[in-house]
Amino acid sequence: MEVEKNVRAFLKQKGIKQAYIAKSCGWTKQRVSNLVCGKKKMTADELAAICEVVGVPYDYFYHPQVNSK
């Protein structure tokens, strides 16, 4: 899914570590890795949790090129 790719690119661009997301959400690092690498399908709740941690609106990762302007 494109969303996972956008989340991964955002984290890299902002220098946000997957370990930080994991700790903030109460997840394992492996879970975060599986989500952002597309090995596990990301649920709406998981996406919402990541958005909350990084401080972006829920729909941000659906249209990142629009949001980056």
PDB file of N, CA and C in Angstrom:
ATOM      1  N   MET A   1       0.846  -1.190   0.000  1.00  0.00           N
ATOM      2  CA  MET A   1       0.000   0.000   0.000  1.00  0.00           C
ATOM      3  C   MET A   1       0.886   1.246   0.000  1.00  0.00           C
ATOM      4  N   GLU A   2       0.444   2.234  -0.653  1.00  0.00           N
ATOM      5  CA  GLU A   2       1.176   3.489  -0.781  1.00  0.00           C
ATOM      6  C   GLU A   2       1.354   4.190   0.579  1.00  0.00           C
ATOM      7  N   VAL A   3       0.393   4.024   1.465  1.00  0.00           N
ATOM      8  CA  VAL A   3       0.453   4.703   2.769  1.00  0.00           C
ATOM      9  C   VAL A   3       1.692   4.279   3.547  1.00  0.00           C
ATOM     10  N   GLU A   4       1.971   2.997   3.577  1.00  0.00           N
ATOM     11  CA  GLU A   4       3.139   2.507   4.308  1.00  0.00           C
ATOM     12  C   GLU A   4       4.421   3.115   3.746  1.00  0.00           C
ATOM     13  N   LYS A   5       4.511   3.185   2.431  1.00  0.00           N
ATOM     14  CA  LYS A   5       5.673   3.781   1.783  1.00  0.00           C
ATOM     15  C   LYS A   5       5.800   5.255   2.159  1.00  0.00           C
ATOM     16  N   ASN A   6       4.688   5.949   2.216  1.00  0.00           N
ATOM     17  CA  ASN A   6       4.696   7.366   2.588  1.00  0.00           C
ATOM     18  C   ASN A   6       5.092   7.565   4.045  1.00  0.00           C
ATOM     19  N   VAL A   7       4.622   6.681   4.921  1.00  0.00           N
ATOM     20  CA  VAL A   7       5.008   6.759   6.337  1.00  0.00           C
ATOM     21  C   VAL A   7       6.514   6.543   6.460  1.00  0.00           C
ATOM     22  N   ARG A   8       7.026   5.513   5.792  1.00  0.00           N
ATOM     23  CA  ARG A   8       8.457   5.207   5.852  1.00  0.00           C
ATOM     24  C   ARG A   8       9.288   6.394   5.346  1.00  0.00           C
ATOM     25  N   ALA A   9       8.889   6.990   4.235  1.00  0.00           N
ATOM     26  CA  ALA A   9       9.620   8.136   3.674  1.00  0.00           C
ATOM     27  C   ALA A   9       9.568   9.335   4.622  1.00  0.00           C
ATOM     28  N   PHE A  10       8.421   9.576   5.240  1.00  0.00           N
ATOM     29  CA  PHE A  10       8.268  10.689   6.179  1.00  0.00           C
ATOM     30  C   PHE A  10       9.195  10.511   7.375  1.00  0.00           C
ATOM     31  N   LEU A  11       9.209   9.302   7.947  1.00  0.00           N
ATOM     32  CA  LEU A  11      10.055   9.040   9.106  1.00  0.00           C
ATOM     33  C   LEU A  11      11.525   9.260   8.759  1.00  0.00           C
ATOM     34  N   LYS A  12      11.928   8.788   7.587  1.00  0.00           N
ATOM     35  CA  LYS A  12      13.314   8.963   7.161  1.00  0.00           C
ATOM     36  C   LYS A  12      13.644  10.438   6.964  1.00  0.00           C
ATOM     37  N   GLN A  13      12.755  11.149   6.283  1.00  0.00           N
ATOM     38  CA  GLN A  13      12.979  12.569   6.008  1.00  0.00           C
ATOM     39  C   GLN A  13      13.093  13.386   7.293  1.00  0.00           C
ATOM     40  N   LYS A  14      12.257  13.074   8.268  1.00  0.00           N
ATOM     41  CA  LYS A  14      12.242  13.831   9.521  1.00  0.00           C
ATOM     42  C   LYS A  14      13.240  13.304  10.549  1.00  0.00           C
ATOM     43  N   GLY A  15      13.887  12.179  10.242  1.00  0.00           N
ATOM     44  CA  GLY A  15      14.854  11.602  11.180  1.00  0.00           C
ATOM     45  C   GLY A  15      14.204  10.967  12.392  1.00  0.00           C
ATOM     46  N   ILE A  16      12.981  10.498  12.231  1.00  0.00           N
ATOM     47  CA  ILE A  16      12.256   9.864  13.335  1.00  0.00           C
ATOM     48  C   ILE A  16      12.533   8.367  13.300  1.00  0.00           C
ATOM     49  N   LYS A  17      13.025   7.843  14.381  1.00  0.00           N
ATOM     50  CA  LYS A  17      13.373   6.425  14.470  1.00  0.00           C
ATOM     51  C   LYS A  17      12.131   5.569  14.707  1.00  0.00           C
ATOM     52  N   GLN A  18      12.145   4.391  14.102  1.00  0.00           N
ATOM     53  CA  GLN A  18      11.049   3.449  14.319  1.00  0.00           C
ATOM     54  C   GLN A  18      10.950   3.067  15.794  1.00  0.00           C
ATOM     55  N   ALA A  19      12.085   3.038  16.482  1.00  0.00           N
ATOM     56  CA  ALA A  19      12.097   2.725  17.912  1.00  0.00           C
ATOM     57  C   ALA A  19      11.298   3.755  18.709  1.00  0.00           C
ATOM     58  N   TYR A  20      11.366   5.019  18.291  1.00  0.00           N
ATOM     59  CA  TYR A  20      10.598   6.074  18.953  1.00  0.00           C
ATOM     60  C   TYR A  20       9.107   5.852  18.762  1.00  0.00           C
ATOM     61  N   ILE A  21       8.707   5.495  17.544  1.00  0.00           N
ATOM     62  CA  ILE A  21       7.295   5.194  17.272  1.00  0.00           C
ATOM     63  C   ILE A  21       6.852   4.015  18.128  1.00  0.00           C
ATOM     64  N   ALA A  22       7.676   2.979  18.157  1.00  0.00           N
ATOM     65  CA  ALA A  22       7.342   1.776  18.934  1.00  0.00           C
ATOM     66  C   ALA A  22       7.144   2.112  20.411  1.00  0.00           C
ATOM     67  N   LYS A  23       8.078   2.848  20.969  1.00  0.00           N
ATOM     68  CA  LYS A  23       7.999   3.200  22.392  1.00  0.00           C
ATOM     69  C   LYS A  23       6.775   4.073  22.665  1.00  0.00           C
ATOM     70  N   SER A  24       6.534   5.042  21.804  1.00  0.00           N
ATOM     71  CA  SER A  24       5.414   5.961  21.995  1.00  0.00           C
ATOM     72  C   SER A  24       4.061   5.269  21.892  1.00  0.00           C
ATOM     73  N   CYS A  25       3.986   4.261  21.037  1.00  0.00           N
ATOM     74  CA  CYS A  25       2.725   3.545  20.823  1.00  0.00           C
ATOM     75  C   CYS A  25       2.583   2.315  21.720  1.00  0.00           C
ATOM     76  N   GLY A  26       3.660   1.933  22.408  1.00  0.00           N
ATOM     77  CA  GLY A  26       3.626   0.733  23.233  1.00  0.00           C
ATOM     78  C   GLY A  26       3.704  -0.541  22.404  1.00  0.00           C
ATOM     79  N   TRP A  27       4.375  -0.447  21.269  1.00  0.00           N
ATOM     80  CA  TRP A  27       4.531  -1.582  20.357  1.00  0.00           C
ATOM     81  C   TRP A  27       5.983  -2.042  20.369  1.00  0.00           C
ATOM     82  N   THR A  28       6.222  -3.194  19.743  1.00  0.00           N
ATOM     83  CA  THR A  28       7.596  -3.650  19.563  1.00  0.00           C
ATOM     84  C   THR A  28       8.188  -2.953  18.330  1.00  0.00           C
ATOM     85  N   LYS A  29       9.515  -2.902  18.296  1.00  0.00           N
ATOM     86  CA  LYS A  29      10.188  -2.348  17.120  1.00  0.00           C
ATOM     87  C   LYS A  29       9.886  -3.203  15.891  1.00  0.00           C
ATOM     88  N   GLN A  30       9.775  -4.502  16.090  1.00  0.00           N
ATOM     89  CA  GLN A  30       9.478  -5.412  14.991  1.00  0.00           C
ATOM     90  C   GLN A  30       8.106  -5.112  14.388  1.00  0.00           C
ATOM     91  N   ARG A  31       7.135  -4.807  15.218  1.00  0.00           N
ATOM     92  CA  ARG A  31       5.798  -4.475  14.723  1.00  0.00           C
ATOM     93  C   ARG A  31       5.841  -3.223  13.846  1.00  0.00           C
ATOM     94  N   VAL A  32       6.532  -2.195  14.319  1.00  0.00           N
ATOM     95  CA  VAL A  32       6.635  -0.959  13.543  1.00  0.00           C
ATOM     96  C   VAL A  32       7.347  -1.233  12.226  1.00  0.00           C
ATOM     97  N   SER A  33       8.426  -1.977  12.268  1.00  0.00           N
ATOM     98  CA  SER A  33       9.159  -2.315  11.052  1.00  0.00           C
ATOM     99  C   SER A  33       8.261  -3.042  10.059  1.00  0.00           C
ATOM    100  N   ASN A  34       7.514  -4.015  10.537  1.00  0.00           N
ATOM    101  CA  ASN A  34       6.613  -4.762   9.664  1.00  0.00           C
ATOM    102  C   ASN A  34       5.539  -3.865   9.055  1.00  0.00           C
ATOM    103  N   LEU A  35       5.068  -2.896   9.819  1.00  0.00           N
ATOM    104  CA  LEU A  35       4.047  -1.982   9.314  1.00  0.00           C
ATOM    105  C   LEU A  35       4.589  -1.055   8.241  1.00  0.00           C
ATOM    106  N   VAL A  36       5.700  -0.397   8.522  1.00  0.00           N
ATOM    107  CA  VAL A  36       6.198   0.607   7.576  1.00  0.00           C
ATOM    108  C   VAL A  36       6.900  -0.020   6.371  1.00  0.00           C
ATOM    109  N   CYS A  37       7.301  -1.269   6.482  1.00  0.00           N
ATOM    110  CA  CYS A  37       7.918  -1.956   5.338  1.00  0.00           C
ATOM    111  C   CYS A  37       6.880  -2.708   4.510  1.00  0.00           C
ATOM    112  N   GLY A  38       5.630  -2.678   4.951  1.00  0.00           N
ATOM    113  CA  GLY A  38       4.571  -3.324   4.197  1.00  0.00           C
ATOM    114  C   GLY A  38       4.473  -4.821   4.382  1.00  0.00           C
ATOM    115  N   LYS A  39       5.178  -5.369   5.364  1.00  0.00           N
ATOM    116  CA  LYS A  39       5.105  -6.806   5.621  1.00  0.00           C
ATOM    117  C   LYS A  39       3.814  -7.178   6.342  1.00  0.00           C
ATOM    118  N   LYS A  40       3.238  -6.207   7.041  1.00  0.00           N
ATOM    119  CA  LYS A  40       1.960  -6.390   7.732  1.00  0.00           C
ATOM    120  C   LYS A  40       1.062  -5.240   7.314  1.00  0.00           C
ATOM    121  N   LYS A  41      -0.161  -5.562   6.990  1.00  0.00           N
ATOM    122  CA  LYS A  41      -1.103  -4.520   6.589  1.00  0.00           C
ATOM    123  C   LYS A  41      -1.390  -3.596   7.770  1.00  0.00           C
ATOM    124  N   MET A  42      -1.273  -2.296   7.542  1.00  0.00           N
ATOM    125  CA  MET A  42      -1.501  -1.304   8.586  1.00  0.00           C
ATOM    126  C   MET A  42      -3.000  -1.061   8.750  1.00  0.00           C
ATOM    127  N   THR A  43      -3.473  -1.155   9.981  1.00  0.00           N
ATOM    128  CA  THR A  43      -4.889  -0.890  10.245  1.00  0.00           C
ATOM    129  C   THR A  43      -5.099   0.613  10.408  1.00  0.00           C
ATOM    130  N   ALA A  44      -6.347   1.011  10.365  1.00  0.00           N
ATOM    131  CA  ALA A  44      -6.692   2.424  10.560  1.00  0.00           C
ATOM    132  C   ALA A  44      -6.253   2.892  11.944  1.00  0.00           C
ATOM    133  N   ASP A  45      -6.418   2.051  12.947  1.00  0.00           N
ATOM    134  CA  ASP A  45      -6.011   2.416  14.305  1.00  0.00           C
ATOM    135  C   ASP A  45      -4.497   2.580  14.419  1.00  0.00           C
ATOM    136  N   GLU A  46      -3.753   1.714  13.751  1.00  0.00           N
ATOM    137  CA  GLU A  46      -2.295   1.826  13.785  1.00  0.00           C
ATOM    138  C   GLU A  46      -1.833   3.102  13.078  1.00  0.00           C
ATOM    139  N   LEU A  47      -2.436   3.394  11.940  1.00  0.00           N
ATOM    140  CA  LEU A  47      -2.098   4.628  11.232  1.00  0.00           C
ATOM    141  C   LEU A  47      -2.435   5.845  12.087  1.00  0.00           C
ATOM    142  N   ALA A  48      -3.582   5.808  12.740  1.00  0.00           N
ATOM    143  CA  ALA A  48      -3.985   6.925  13.596  1.00  0.00           C
ATOM    144  C   ALA A  48      -2.990   7.123  14.741  1.00  0.00           C
ATOM    145  N   ALA A  49      -2.503   6.029  15.313  1.00  0.00           N
ATOM    146  CA  ALA A  49      -1.535   6.120  16.408  1.00  0.00           C
ATOM    147  C   ALA A  49      -0.224   6.737  15.925  1.00  0.00           C
ATOM    148  N   ILE A  50       0.231   6.323  14.758  1.00  0.00           N
ATOM    149  CA  ILE A  50       1.467   6.877  14.206  1.00  0.00           C
ATOM    150  C   ILE A  50       1.289   8.362  13.915  1.00  0.00           C
ATOM    151  N   CYS A  51       0.166   8.717  13.326  1.00  0.00           N
ATOM    152  CA  CYS A  51      -0.109  10.130  13.033  1.00  0.00           C
ATOM    153  C   CYS A  51      -0.100  10.971  14.299  1.00  0.00           C
ATOM    154  N   GLU A  52      -0.679  10.434  15.359  1.00  0.00           N
ATOM    155  CA  GLU A  52      -0.704  11.162  16.628  1.00  0.00           C
ATOM    156  C   GLU A  52       0.707  11.377  17.166  1.00  0.00           C
ATOM    157  N   VAL A  53       1.537  10.356  17.086  1.00  0.00           N
ATOM    158  CA  VAL A  53       2.904  10.449  17.596  1.00  0.00           C
ATOM    159  C   VAL A  53       3.719  11.474  16.817  1.00  0.00           C
ATOM    160  N   VAL A  54       3.564  11.485  15.485  1.00  0.00           N
ATOM    161  CA  VAL A  54       4.380  12.402  14.668  1.00  0.00           C
ATOM    162  C   VAL A  54       3.715  13.750  14.446  1.00  0.00           C
ATOM    163  N   GLY A  55       2.481  13.897  14.911  1.00  0.00           N
ATOM    164  CA  GLY A  55       1.819  15.195  14.886  1.00  0.00           C
ATOM    165  C   GLY A  55       1.297  15.630  13.527  1.00  0.00           C
ATOM    166  N   VAL A  56       0.760  14.679  12.773  1.00  0.00           N
ATOM    167  CA  VAL A  56       0.150  15.023  11.484  1.00  0.00           C
ATOM    168  C   VAL A  56      -1.295  14.534  11.465  1.00  0.00           C
ATOM    169  N   PRO A  57      -2.146  15.138  10.630  1.00  0.00           N
ATOM    170  CA  PRO A  57      -3.532  14.684  10.541  1.00  0.00           C
ATOM    171  C   PRO A  57      -3.616  13.269   9.974  1.00  0.00           C
ATOM    172  N   TYR A  58      -4.709  12.599  10.264  1.00  0.00           N
ATOM    173  CA  TYR A  58      -4.898  11.202   9.867  1.00  0.00           C
ATOM    174  C   TYR A  58      -4.721  10.989   8.367  1.00  0.00           C
ATOM    175  N   ASP A  59      -5.199  11.901   7.553  1.00  0.00           N
ATOM    176  CA  ASP A  59      -5.144  11.696   6.103  1.00  0.00           C
ATOM    177  C   ASP A  59      -3.826  12.154   5.471  1.00  0.00           C
ATOM    178  N   TYR A  60      -2.885  12.605   6.261  1.00  0.00           N
ATOM    179  CA  TYR A  60      -1.623  13.152   5.746  1.00  0.00           C
ATOM    180  C   TYR A  60      -0.903  12.191   4.804  1.00  0.00           C
ATOM    181  N   PHE A  61      -0.828  10.932   5.164  1.00  0.00           N
ATOM    182  CA  PHE A  61      -0.037   9.974   4.396  1.00  0.00           C
ATOM    183  C   PHE A  61      -0.751   9.462   3.147  1.00  0.00           C
ATOM    184  N   TYR A  62      -1.979   9.886   2.947  1.00  0.00           N
ATOM    185  CA  TYR A  62      -2.678   9.536   1.713  1.00  0.00           C
ATOM    186  C   TYR A  62      -2.321  10.497   0.587  1.00  0.00           C
ATOM    187  N   HIS A  63      -1.918  11.715   0.939  1.00  0.00           N
ATOM    188  CA  HIS A  63      -1.597  12.749  -0.049  1.00  0.00           C
ATOM    189  C   HIS A  63      -0.373  13.552   0.389  1.00  0.00           C
ATOM    190  N   PRO A  64       0.777  12.899   0.581  1.00  0.00           N
ATOM    191  CA  PRO A  64       1.934  13.614   1.126  1.00  0.00           C
ATOM    192  C   PRO A  64       2.493  14.694   0.198  1.00  0.00           C
ATOM    193  N   GLN A  65       2.388  14.518  -1.113  1.00  0.00           N
ATOM    194  CA  GLN A  65       2.919  15.527  -2.031  1.00  0.00           C
ATOM    195  C   GLN A  65       2.150  16.830  -1.890  1.00  0.00           C
ATOM    196  N   VAL A  66       0.865  16.766  -1.601  1.00  0.00           N
ATOM    197  CA  VAL A  66       0.060  17.965  -1.381  1.00  0.00           C
ATOM    198  C   VAL A  66       0.451  18.609  -0.056  1.00  0.00           C
ATOM    199  N   ASN A  67       0.708  17.783   0.951  1.00  0.00           N
ATOM    200  CA  ASN A  67       1.022  18.281   2.284  1.00  0.00           C
ATOM    201  C   ASN A  67       2.433  18.845   2.393  1.00  0.00           C
ATOM    202  N   SER A  68       3.325  18.483   1.484  1.00  0.00           N
ATOM    203  CA  SER A  68       4.712  18.938   1.596  1.00  0.00           C
ATOM    204  C   SER A  68       4.919  20.335   1.034  1.00  0.00           C
ATOM    205  N   LYS A  69       3.932  20.898   0.404  1.00  0.00           N
ATOM    206  CA  LYS A  69       4.075  22.246  -0.181  1.00  0.00           C
ATOM    207  C   LYS A  69       3.935  23.317   0.863  1.00  0.00           C
TER     208      LYS A  69
END
